[in-house]
Amino acid sequence: MTDETRPEGAPPDPLAPTAPQRSAARRLAPLIVVATGAALGWWLLGDRLSFETLRENREALIAWRNASYALLAAAYMLAYVAVVAFSLPGALAMTLTGGFLFGLWPGALMVLTSATAGATLIFLAAKTSLGDRLAKALEGRGGAMARFRRGVAENEVWFLLLIRLVPVMPFFVANLAPAFLGVRLRNYVLTTFFGIMPGTVVYTWVGAGLGEVFERGDTPDLGIIFEPHVLGPLLGLCALAALPMIVKALRRRPGAAAGERPGKAKEDAA
């Protein structure tokens, strides 16, 4: 029995949830939904979203695409959103599937849109449940975490781009971490879309060539992103994303605001 339904003058029900408890439950509800969906997805799907599953079902998928392109595209994008939002295994296989079924550019655009939508959903769930409260708790405190949060706030866009471009960072970590650092939604969405673009295009391109791979009975080269001709440009983009943060850090050095050249103090002392 809640406070609203208890008759006037009746003693309070010791088992009824209090207002703070109800507020906490509502606040945590989005994160609970995500966690429940993730647990169910891992239990029901396991490792079924894989290259081997695509190999076994490729003819049925091609027939579905030829019969109803729009319906398959919509189903594919909704499935991709769910995979990302619930941090399920198989995002790479889904990207390969997009290239295989829809070609490089249609497939890449579908992956970019779906992955960004799924990442935004889990970001909002984490931010509304815990992120905003954690960010406020850090505002008035010192320490390394507070300094790190201030550094992110000063270089928000470039920081977000950097964690998306670095291919070694798990995607779900890059989805969740900004929610606890007070990142703005608009910056998160834009940097997610453009930050995952290089890797998405590479793997969608691999997927677009799977027809020949299937005919040969081979497996795709998923390590292509670490080849020098691919990794080199990606590292260049990472360096560009990090450059504004490095410049700001150098400008904050003692003497930088006054326009002193590096080493000038040593020359004067000599």
C-alpha atoms as a PDB file:
ATOM      1  CA  MET A   1       0.000   0.000   0.000  1.00  0.00           C
ATOM      2  CA  THR A   2       1.434   3.374  -1.011  1.00  0.00           C
ATOM      3  CA  ASP A   3       1.032   6.721   0.740  1.00  0.00           C
ATOM      4  CA  GLU A   4      -1.517   7.789  -1.897  1.00  0.00           C
ATOM      5  CA  THR A   5      -3.812   4.761  -1.422  1.00  0.00           C
ATOM      6  CA  ARG A   6      -3.590   4.455   2.402  1.00  0.00           C
ATOM      7  CA  PRO A   7      -6.810   5.571   4.149  1.00  0.00           C
ATOM      8  CA  GLU A   8      -6.582   8.804   6.091  1.00  0.00           C
ATOM      9  CA  GLY A   9      -5.444   8.248   9.656  1.00  0.00           C
ATOM     10  CA  ALA A  10      -4.221   4.700   9.002  1.00  0.00           C
ATOM     11  CA  PRO A  11      -0.724   3.849  10.253  1.00  0.00           C
ATOM     12  CA  PRO A  12       2.011   3.781   7.609  1.00  0.00           C
ATOM     13  CA  ASP A  13       2.766   0.437   6.016  1.00  0.00           C
ATOM     14  CA  PRO A  14       6.328  -0.520   6.982  1.00  0.00           C
ATOM     15  CA  LEU A  15       6.661  -2.600   3.803  1.00  0.00           C
ATOM     16  CA  ALA A  16       5.530   0.165   1.442  1.00  0.00           C
ATOM     17  CA  PRO A  17       8.331   1.848  -0.544  1.00  0.00           C
ATOM     18  CA  THR A  18       9.185   5.355   0.568  1.00  0.00           C
ATOM     19  CA  ALA A  19       9.318   8.342  -1.783  1.00  0.00           C
ATOM     20  CA  PRO A  20      13.156   8.242  -2.025  1.00  0.00           C
ATOM     21  CA  GLN A  21      13.005   4.518  -2.814  1.00  0.00           C
ATOM     22  CA  ARG A  22      10.437   5.063  -5.558  1.00  0.00           C
ATOM     23  CA  SER A  23      12.531   7.902  -6.969  1.00  0.00           C
ATOM     24  CA  ALA A  24      15.652   5.719  -6.997  1.00  0.00           C
ATOM     25  CA  ALA A  25      13.756   2.889  -8.682  1.00  0.00           C
ATOM     26  CA  ARG A  26      12.501   5.201 -11.428  1.00  0.00           C
ATOM     27  CA  ARG A  27      15.978   6.639 -11.915  1.00  0.00           C
ATOM     28  CA  LEU A  28      17.599   3.221 -12.204  1.00  0.00           C
ATOM     29  CA  ALA A  29      14.851   1.757 -14.421  1.00  0.00           C
ATOM     30  CA  PRO A  30      16.593   2.506 -17.773  1.00  0.00           C
ATOM     31  CA  LEU A  31      19.824   0.872 -16.619  1.00  0.00           C
ATOM     32  CA  ILE A  32      17.900  -2.115 -15.265  1.00  0.00           C
ATOM     33  CA  VAL A  33      16.175  -2.535 -18.630  1.00  0.00           C
ATOM     34  CA  VAL A  34      19.544  -2.461 -20.415  1.00  0.00           C
ATOM     35  CA  ALA A  35      21.079  -4.954 -17.991  1.00  0.00           C
ATOM     36  CA  THR A  36      18.086  -7.294 -18.289  1.00  0.00           C
ATOM     37  CA  GLY A  37      18.105  -7.092 -22.081  1.00  0.00           C
ATOM     38  CA  ALA A  38      21.839  -7.765 -22.136  1.00  0.00           C
ATOM     39  CA  ALA A  39      21.476 -10.833 -19.902  1.00  0.00           C
ATOM     40  CA  LEU A  40      18.621 -12.227 -22.003  1.00  0.00           C
ATOM     41  CA  GLY A  41      20.470 -11.499 -25.234  1.00  0.00           C
ATOM     42  CA  TRP A  42      23.638 -13.257 -24.085  1.00  0.00           C
ATOM     43  CA  TRP A  43      21.595 -16.228 -22.878  1.00  0.00           C
ATOM     44  CA  LEU A  44      19.441 -16.572 -25.993  1.00  0.00           C
ATOM     45  CA  LEU A  45      21.990 -15.667 -28.659  1.00  0.00           C
ATOM     46  CA  GLY A  46      25.329 -16.652 -27.197  1.00  0.00           C
ATOM     47  CA  ASP A  47      27.784 -16.739 -30.091  1.00  0.00           C
ATOM     48  CA  ARG A  48      25.154 -17.178 -32.815  1.00  0.00           C
ATOM     49  CA  LEU A  49      25.845 -13.787 -34.367  1.00  0.00           C
ATOM     50  CA  SER A  50      29.004 -14.911 -36.105  1.00  0.00           C
ATOM     51  CA  PHE A  51      30.631 -15.282 -39.495  1.00  0.00           C
ATOM     52  CA  GLU A  52      29.731 -18.972 -39.539  1.00  0.00           C
ATOM     53  CA  THR A  53      26.055 -18.147 -39.000  1.00  0.00           C
ATOM     54  CA  LEU A  54      26.224 -15.761 -41.955  1.00  0.00           C
ATOM     55  CA  ARG A  55      27.880 -18.429 -44.082  1.00  0.00           C
ATOM     56  CA  GLU A  56      25.171 -20.968 -43.244  1.00  0.00           C
ATOM     57  CA  ASN A  57      22.250 -18.609 -43.859  1.00  0.00           C
ATOM     58  CA  ARG A  58      23.584 -16.513 -46.732  1.00  0.00           C
ATOM     59  CA  GLU A  59      21.294 -17.976 -49.383  1.00  0.00           C
ATOM     60  CA  ALA A  60      18.159 -17.419 -47.287  1.00  0.00           C
ATOM     61  CA  LEU A  61      19.236 -13.851 -46.521  1.00  0.00           C
ATOM     62  CA  ILE A  62      19.927 -13.101 -50.184  1.00  0.00           C
ATOM     63  CA  ALA A  63      16.510 -14.493 -51.116  1.00  0.00           C
ATOM     64  CA  TRP A  64      14.882 -12.291 -48.462  1.00  0.00           C
ATOM     65  CA  ARG A  65      16.783  -9.263 -49.722  1.00  0.00           C
ATOM     66  CA  ASN A  66      15.731  -9.899 -53.322  1.00  0.00           C
ATOM     67  CA  ALA A  67      12.098 -10.392 -52.305  1.00  0.00           C
ATOM     68  CA  SER A  68      11.801  -7.469 -49.878  1.00  0.00           C
ATOM     69  CA  TYR A  69      14.815  -5.175 -49.721  1.00  0.00           C
ATOM     70  CA  ALA A  70      13.179  -2.510 -47.529  1.00  0.00           C
ATOM     71  CA  LEU A  71      11.840  -4.994 -44.974  1.00  0.00           C
ATOM     72  CA  LEU A  72      15.199  -6.735 -44.615  1.00  0.00           C
ATOM     73  CA  ALA A  73      16.992  -3.393 -44.319  1.00  0.00           C
ATOM     74  CA  ALA A  74      14.629  -2.281 -41.541  1.00  0.00           C
ATOM     75  CA  ALA A  75      14.959  -5.618 -39.703  1.00  0.00           C
ATOM     76  CA  TYR A  76      18.736  -5.498 -40.048  1.00  0.00           C
ATOM     77  CA  MET A  77      18.985  -1.965 -38.641  1.00  0.00           C
ATOM     78  CA  LEU A  78      16.676  -2.738 -35.705  1.00  0.00           C
ATOM     79  CA  ALA A  79      18.717  -5.843 -34.902  1.00  0.00           C
ATOM     80  CA  TYR A  80      21.940  -3.807 -35.040  1.00  0.00           C
ATOM     81  CA  VAL A  81      20.488  -1.176 -32.705  1.00  0.00           C
ATOM     82  CA  ALA A  82      19.603  -3.933 -30.221  1.00  0.00           C
ATOM     83  CA  VAL A  83      23.069  -5.512 -30.456  1.00  0.00           C
ATOM     84  CA  VAL A  84      24.748  -2.201 -29.616  1.00  0.00           C
ATOM     85  CA  ALA A  85      22.211  -0.978 -27.038  1.00  0.00           C
ATOM     86  CA  PHE A  86      22.463  -4.216 -25.057  1.00  0.00           C
ATOM     87  CA  SER A  87      26.209  -4.686 -25.684  1.00  0.00           C
ATOM     88  CA  LEU A  88      25.636  -8.114 -27.237  1.00  0.00           C
ATOM     89  CA  PRO A  89      28.387 -10.084 -28.988  1.00  0.00           C
ATOM     90  CA  GLY A  90      28.327 -10.055 -32.754  1.00  0.00           C
ATOM     91  CA  ALA A  91      28.598  -6.402 -33.789  1.00  0.00           C
ATOM     92  CA  LEU A  92      31.500  -7.207 -36.115  1.00  0.00           C
ATOM     93  CA  ALA A  93      29.573 -10.059 -37.738  1.00  0.00           C
ATOM     94  CA  MET A  94      26.598  -7.714 -38.145  1.00  0.00           C
ATOM     95  CA  THR A  95      28.822  -5.164 -39.878  1.00  0.00           C
ATOM     96  CA  LEU A  96      30.137  -7.832 -42.269  1.00  0.00           C
ATOM     97  CA  THR A  97      26.543  -8.882 -42.934  1.00  0.00           C
ATOM     98  CA  GLY A  98      25.598  -5.310 -43.828  1.00  0.00           C
ATOM     99  CA  GLY A  99      28.349  -5.152 -46.425  1.00  0.00           C
ATOM    100  CA  PHE A 100      27.506  -8.599 -47.772  1.00  0.00           C
ATOM    101  CA  LEU A 101      23.782  -7.914 -48.175  1.00  0.00           C
ATOM    102  CA  PHE A 102      23.660  -4.243 -49.097  1.00  0.00           C
ATOM    103  CA  GLY A 103      27.080  -3.354 -50.510  1.00  0.00           C
ATOM    104  CA  LEU A 104      29.698  -0.942 -49.252  1.00  0.00           C
ATOM    105  CA  TRP A 105      27.992   2.436 -49.037  1.00  0.00           C
ATOM    106  CA  PRO A 106      24.367   1.434 -48.335  1.00  0.00           C
ATOM    107  CA  GLY A 107      25.652  -1.073 -45.787  1.00  0.00           C
ATOM    108  CA  ALA A 108      28.063   1.394 -44.181  1.00  0.00           C
ATOM    109  CA  LEU A 109      25.337   4.041 -43.844  1.00  0.00           C
ATOM    110  CA  MET A 110      22.989   1.500 -42.237  1.00  0.00           C
ATOM    111  CA  VAL A 111      25.692   0.414 -39.797  1.00  0.00           C
ATOM    112  CA  LEU A 112      26.642   3.997 -38.915  1.00  0.00           C
ATOM    113  CA  THR A 113      23.032   4.993 -38.285  1.00  0.00           C
ATOM    114  CA  SER A 114      22.153   1.870 -36.307  1.00  0.00           C
ATOM    115  CA  ALA A 115      25.338   1.793 -34.241  1.00  0.00           C
ATOM    116  CA  THR A 116      24.971   5.475 -33.364  1.00  0.00           C
ATOM    117  CA  ALA A 117      21.326   4.970 -32.365  1.00  0.00           C
ATOM    118  CA  GLY A 118      22.158   1.950 -30.203  1.00  0.00           C
ATOM    119  CA  ALA A 119      25.111   3.714 -28.567  1.00  0.00           C
ATOM    120  CA  THR A 120      22.921   6.750 -27.855  1.00  0.00           C
ATOM    121  CA  LEU A 121      20.299   4.586 -26.157  1.00  0.00           C
ATOM    122  CA  ILE A 122      22.779   2.991 -23.769  1.00  0.00           C
ATOM    123  CA  PHE A 123      24.413   6.390 -23.177  1.00  0.00           C
ATOM    124  CA  LEU A 124      21.066   7.928 -22.196  1.00  0.00           C
ATOM    125  CA  ALA A 125      20.212   4.959 -19.980  1.00  0.00           C
ATOM    126  CA  ALA A 126      23.500   5.226 -18.099  1.00  0.00           C
ATOM    127  CA  LYS A 127      23.432   9.033 -17.955  1.00  0.00           C
ATOM    128  CA  THR A 128      19.897   9.316 -16.557  1.00  0.00           C
ATOM    129  CA  SER A 129      20.410   6.467 -14.094  1.00  0.00           C
ATOM    130  CA  LEU A 130      23.800   7.253 -12.612  1.00  0.00           C
ATOM    131  CA  GLY A 131      25.770   9.565 -14.864  1.00  0.00           C
ATOM    132  CA  ASP A 132      24.249  12.909 -13.919  1.00  0.00           C
ATOM    133  CA  ARG A 133      24.450  12.180 -10.194  1.00  0.00           C
ATOM    134  CA  LEU A 134      28.055  11.039 -10.484  1.00  0.00           C
ATOM    135  CA  ALA A 135      28.987  14.105 -12.518  1.00  0.00           C
ATOM    136  CA  LYS A 136      27.441  16.412  -9.911  1.00  0.00           C
ATOM    137  CA  ALA A 137      29.220  14.556  -7.110  1.00  0.00           C
ATOM    138  CA  LEU A 138      32.556  15.175  -8.814  1.00  0.00           C
ATOM    139  CA  GLU A 139      31.939  18.875  -9.428  1.00  0.00           C
ATOM    140  CA  GLY A 140      32.853  20.000  -5.937  1.00  0.00           C
ATOM    141  CA  ARG A 141      35.591  17.479  -5.313  1.00  0.00           C
ATOM    142  CA  GLY A 142      39.255  17.369  -6.137  1.00  0.00           C
ATOM    143  CA  GLY A 143      41.369  14.372  -6.905  1.00  0.00           C
ATOM    144  CA  ALA A 144      42.526  12.703 -10.088  1.00  0.00           C
ATOM    145  CA  MET A 145      39.023  11.768 -11.283  1.00  0.00           C
ATOM    146  CA  ALA A 146      37.764  15.329 -10.946  1.00  0.00           C
ATOM    147  CA  ARG A 147      40.806  16.663 -12.815  1.00  0.00           C
ATOM    148  CA  PHE A 148      40.265  14.069 -15.535  1.00  0.00           C
ATOM    149  CA  ARG A 149      36.618  15.112 -15.848  1.00  0.00           C
ATOM    150  CA  ARG A 150      37.611  18.780 -16.158  1.00  0.00           C
ATOM    151  CA  GLY A 151      40.120  17.851 -18.841  1.00  0.00           C
ATOM    152  CA  VAL A 152      37.441  15.982 -20.770  1.00  0.00           C
ATOM    153  CA  ALA A 153      35.065  18.942 -20.453  1.00  0.00           C
ATOM    154  CA  GLU A 154      37.693  21.295 -21.888  1.00  0.00           C
ATOM    155  CA  ASN A 155      38.367  19.010 -24.874  1.00  0.00           C
ATOM    156  CA  GLU A 156      35.044  17.191 -25.088  1.00  0.00           C
ATOM    157  CA  VAL A 157      34.700  16.780 -28.858  1.00  0.00           C
ATOM    158  CA  TRP A 158      38.317  15.826 -29.428  1.00  0.00           C
ATOM    159  CA  PHE A 159      38.330  13.397 -26.517  1.00  0.00           C
ATOM    160  CA  LEU A 160      35.197  11.664 -27.814  1.00  0.00           C
ATOM    161  CA  LEU A 161      36.610  11.440 -31.317  1.00  0.00           C
ATOM    162  CA  LEU A 162      39.835   9.963 -29.997  1.00  0.00           C
ATOM    163  CA  ILE A 163      38.179   7.144 -28.048  1.00  0.00           C
ATOM    164  CA  ARG A 164      36.102   6.281 -31.130  1.00  0.00           C
ATOM    165  CA  LEU A 165      39.038   6.304 -33.526  1.00  0.00           C
ATOM    166  CA  VAL A 166      41.373   4.175 -31.384  1.00  0.00           C
ATOM    167  CA  PRO A 167      40.604   0.649 -32.647  1.00  0.00           C
ATOM    168  CA  VAL A 168      41.761  -1.121 -29.464  1.00  0.00           C
ATOM    169  CA  MET A 169      39.107   0.378 -27.143  1.00  0.00           C
ATOM    170  CA  PRO A 170      36.057  -1.887 -26.644  1.00  0.00           C
ATOM    171  CA  PHE A 171      32.986  -0.321 -28.193  1.00  0.00           C
ATOM    172  CA  PHE A 172      30.790  -0.740 -25.107  1.00  0.00           C
ATOM    173  CA  VAL A 173      33.405   1.042 -22.954  1.00  0.00           C
ATOM    174  CA  ALA A 174      33.411   3.984 -25.354  1.00  0.00           C
ATOM    175  CA  ASN A 175      29.605   3.983 -25.162  1.00  0.00           C
ATOM    176  CA  LEU A 176      29.366   4.029 -21.377  1.00  0.00           C
ATOM    177  CA  ALA A 177      32.350   6.074 -20.186  1.00  0.00           C
ATOM    178  CA  PRO A 178      31.120   9.448 -21.533  1.00  0.00           C
ATOM    179  CA  ALA A 179      27.823   9.015 -19.647  1.00  0.00           C
ATOM    180  CA  PHE A 180      29.719   9.271 -16.348  1.00  0.00           C
ATOM    181  CA  LEU A 181      31.787  12.287 -17.398  1.00  0.00           C
ATOM    182  CA  GLY A 182      29.023  14.839 -18.001  1.00  0.00           C
ATOM    183  CA  VAL A 183      29.331  14.709 -21.804  1.00  0.00           C
ATOM    184  CA  ARG A 184      26.663  16.541 -23.792  1.00  0.00           C
ATOM    185  CA  LEU A 185      24.292  14.452 -25.894  1.00  0.00           C
ATOM    186  CA  ARG A 186      24.804  16.374 -29.150  1.00  0.00           C
ATOM    187  CA  ASN A 187      28.578  16.031 -29.004  1.00  0.00           C
ATOM    188  CA  TYR A 188      28.244  12.357 -28.131  1.00  0.00           C
ATOM    189  CA  VAL A 189      25.987  11.594 -31.096  1.00  0.00           C
ATOM    190  CA  LEU A 190      28.043  13.514 -33.655  1.00  0.00           C
ATOM    191  CA  THR A 191      31.411  12.170 -32.531  1.00  0.00           C
ATOM    192  CA  THR A 192      30.048   8.632 -32.405  1.00  0.00           C
ATOM    193  CA  PHE A 193      28.737   8.820 -35.968  1.00  0.00           C
ATOM    194  CA  PHE A 194      31.884  10.323 -37.455  1.00  0.00           C
ATOM    195  CA  GLY A 195      34.344   8.643 -35.100  1.00  0.00           C
ATOM    196  CA  ILE A 196      33.264   5.091 -35.969  1.00  0.00           C
ATOM    197  CA  MET A 197      33.092   5.890 -39.677  1.00  0.00           C
ATOM    198  CA  PRO A 198      36.630   4.793 -40.671  1.00  0.00           C
ATOM    199  CA  GLY A 199      36.422   1.386 -38.963  1.00  0.00           C
ATOM    200  CA  THR A 200      32.872   0.864 -40.186  1.00  0.00           C
ATOM    201  CA  VAL A 201      33.823   1.511 -43.800  1.00  0.00           C
ATOM    202  CA  VAL A 202      36.779  -0.887 -43.551  1.00  0.00           C
ATOM    203  CA  TYR A 203      34.747  -3.797 -42.202  1.00  0.00           C
ATOM    204  CA  THR A 204      31.742  -3.118 -44.422  1.00  0.00           C
ATOM    205  CA  TRP A 205      34.151  -3.193 -47.350  1.00  0.00           C
ATOM    206  CA  VAL A 206      35.371  -6.612 -46.155  1.00  0.00           C
ATOM    207  CA  GLY A 207      31.745  -7.730 -45.917  1.00  0.00           C
ATOM    208  CA  ALA A 208      31.008  -6.541 -49.442  1.00  0.00           C
ATOM    209  CA  GLY A 209      33.646  -8.982 -50.711  1.00  0.00           C
ATOM    210  CA  LEU A 210      32.381 -12.002 -48.796  1.00  0.00           C
ATOM    211  CA  GLY A 211      30.722 -13.495 -51.885  1.00  0.00           C
ATOM    212  CA  GLU A 212      34.112 -14.453 -53.281  1.00  0.00           C
ATOM    213  CA  VAL A 213      35.294 -15.589 -49.853  1.00  0.00           C
ATOM    214  CA  PHE A 214      32.342 -17.961 -49.558  1.00  0.00           C
ATOM    215  CA  GLU A 215      32.959 -19.366 -53.016  1.00  0.00           C
ATOM    216  CA  ARG A 216      36.568 -20.176 -52.101  1.00  0.00           C
ATOM    217  CA  GLY A 217      35.549 -21.644 -48.748  1.00  0.00           C
ATOM    218  CA  ASP A 218      37.846 -19.202 -46.937  1.00  0.00           C
ATOM    219  CA  THR A 219      37.332 -16.897 -43.976  1.00  0.00           C
ATOM    220  CA  PRO A 220      37.607 -13.083 -44.177  1.00  0.00           C
ATOM    221  CA  ASP A 221      40.743 -11.270 -43.075  1.00  0.00           C
ATOM    222  CA  LEU A 222      39.385  -9.480 -40.003  1.00  0.00           C
ATOM    223  CA  GLY A 223      42.850  -8.277 -39.091  1.00  0.00           C
ATOM    224  CA  ILE A 224      42.889  -5.997 -42.100  1.00  0.00           C
ATOM    225  CA  ILE A 225      42.363  -2.964 -39.867  1.00  0.00           C
ATOM    226  CA  PHE A 226      45.853  -3.558 -38.442  1.00  0.00           C
ATOM    227  CA  GLU A 227      47.486  -3.641 -41.878  1.00  0.00           C
ATOM    228  CA  PRO A 228      49.859  -0.664 -42.359  1.00  0.00           C
ATOM    229  CA  HIS A 229      47.885   0.823 -45.264  1.00  0.00           C
ATOM    230  CA  VAL A 230      44.727   0.855 -43.074  1.00  0.00           C
ATOM    231  CA  LEU A 231      46.133   1.392 -39.598  1.00  0.00           C
ATOM    232  CA  GLY A 232      48.402   4.225 -40.741  1.00  0.00           C
ATOM    233  CA  PRO A 233      45.565   6.573 -41.772  1.00  0.00           C
ATOM    234  CA  LEU A 234      43.606   5.615 -38.630  1.00  0.00           C
ATOM    235  CA  LEU A 235      46.548   6.526 -36.422  1.00  0.00           C
ATOM    236  CA  GLY A 236      46.885   9.764 -38.374  1.00  0.00           C
ATOM    237  CA  LEU A 237      43.259  10.577 -37.571  1.00  0.00           C
ATOM    238  CA  CYS A 238      43.940   9.741 -33.906  1.00  0.00           C
ATOM    239  CA  ALA A 239      46.884  12.129 -33.915  1.00  0.00           C
ATOM    240  CA  LEU A 240      44.721  14.876 -35.404  1.00  0.00           C
ATOM    241  CA  ALA A 241      42.083  14.278 -32.726  1.00  0.00           C
ATOM    242  CA  ALA A 242      44.724  14.425 -29.978  1.00  0.00           C
ATOM    243  CA  LEU A 243      46.475  17.521 -31.366  1.00  0.00           C
ATOM    244  CA  PRO A 244      44.060  20.163 -29.974  1.00  0.00           C
ATOM    245  CA  MET A 245      44.327  18.600 -26.496  1.00  0.00           C
ATOM    246  CA  ILE A 246      48.121  18.610 -26.699  1.00  0.00           C
ATOM    247  CA  VAL A 247      48.144  22.257 -27.811  1.00  0.00           C
ATOM    248  CA  LYS A 248      45.876  23.272 -24.923  1.00  0.00           C
ATOM    249  CA  ALA A 249      48.071  21.392 -22.450  1.00  0.00           C
ATOM    250  CA  LEU A 250      51.173  23.179 -23.767  1.00  0.00           C
ATOM    251  CA  ARG A 251      49.460  26.551 -23.515  1.00  0.00           C
ATOM    252  CA  ARG A 252      48.714  25.928 -19.842  1.00  0.00           C
ATOM    253  CA  ARG A 253      52.390  25.379 -19.058  1.00  0.00           C
ATOM    254  CA  PRO A 254      54.053  28.059 -16.902  1.00  0.00           C
ATOM    255  CA  GLY A 255      55.266  30.897 -19.097  1.00  0.00           C
ATOM    256  CA  ALA A 256      53.179  29.820 -22.093  1.00  0.00           C
ATOM    257  CA  ALA A 257      50.569  32.499 -21.447  1.00  0.00           C
ATOM    258  CA  ALA A 258      53.284  35.160 -21.499  1.00  0.00           C
ATOM    259  CA  GLY A 259      54.541  33.932 -24.828  1.00  0.00           C
ATOM    260  CA  GLU A 260      57.865  32.567 -23.601  1.00  0.00           C
ATOM    261  CA  ARG A 261      59.686  30.216 -25.915  1.00  0.00           C
ATOM    262  CA  PRO A 262      60.535  26.728 -24.599  1.00  0.00           C
ATOM    263  CA  GLY A 263      63.990  26.875 -23.050  1.00  0.00           C
ATOM    264  CA  LYS A 264      63.997  30.672 -22.757  1.00  0.00           C
ATOM    265  CA  ALA A 265      64.365  30.500 -18.975  1.00  0.00           C
ATOM    266  CA  LYS A 266      67.472  28.354 -19.365  1.00  0.00           C
ATOM    267  CA  GLU A 267      68.968  30.782 -21.906  1.00  0.00           C
ATOM    268  CA  ASP A 268      68.361  33.691 -19.541  1.00  0.00           C
ATOM    269  CA  ALA A 269      69.982  31.797 -16.685  1.00  0.00           C
ATOM    270  CA  ALA A 270      73.028  31.076 -18.838  1.00  0.00           C
END
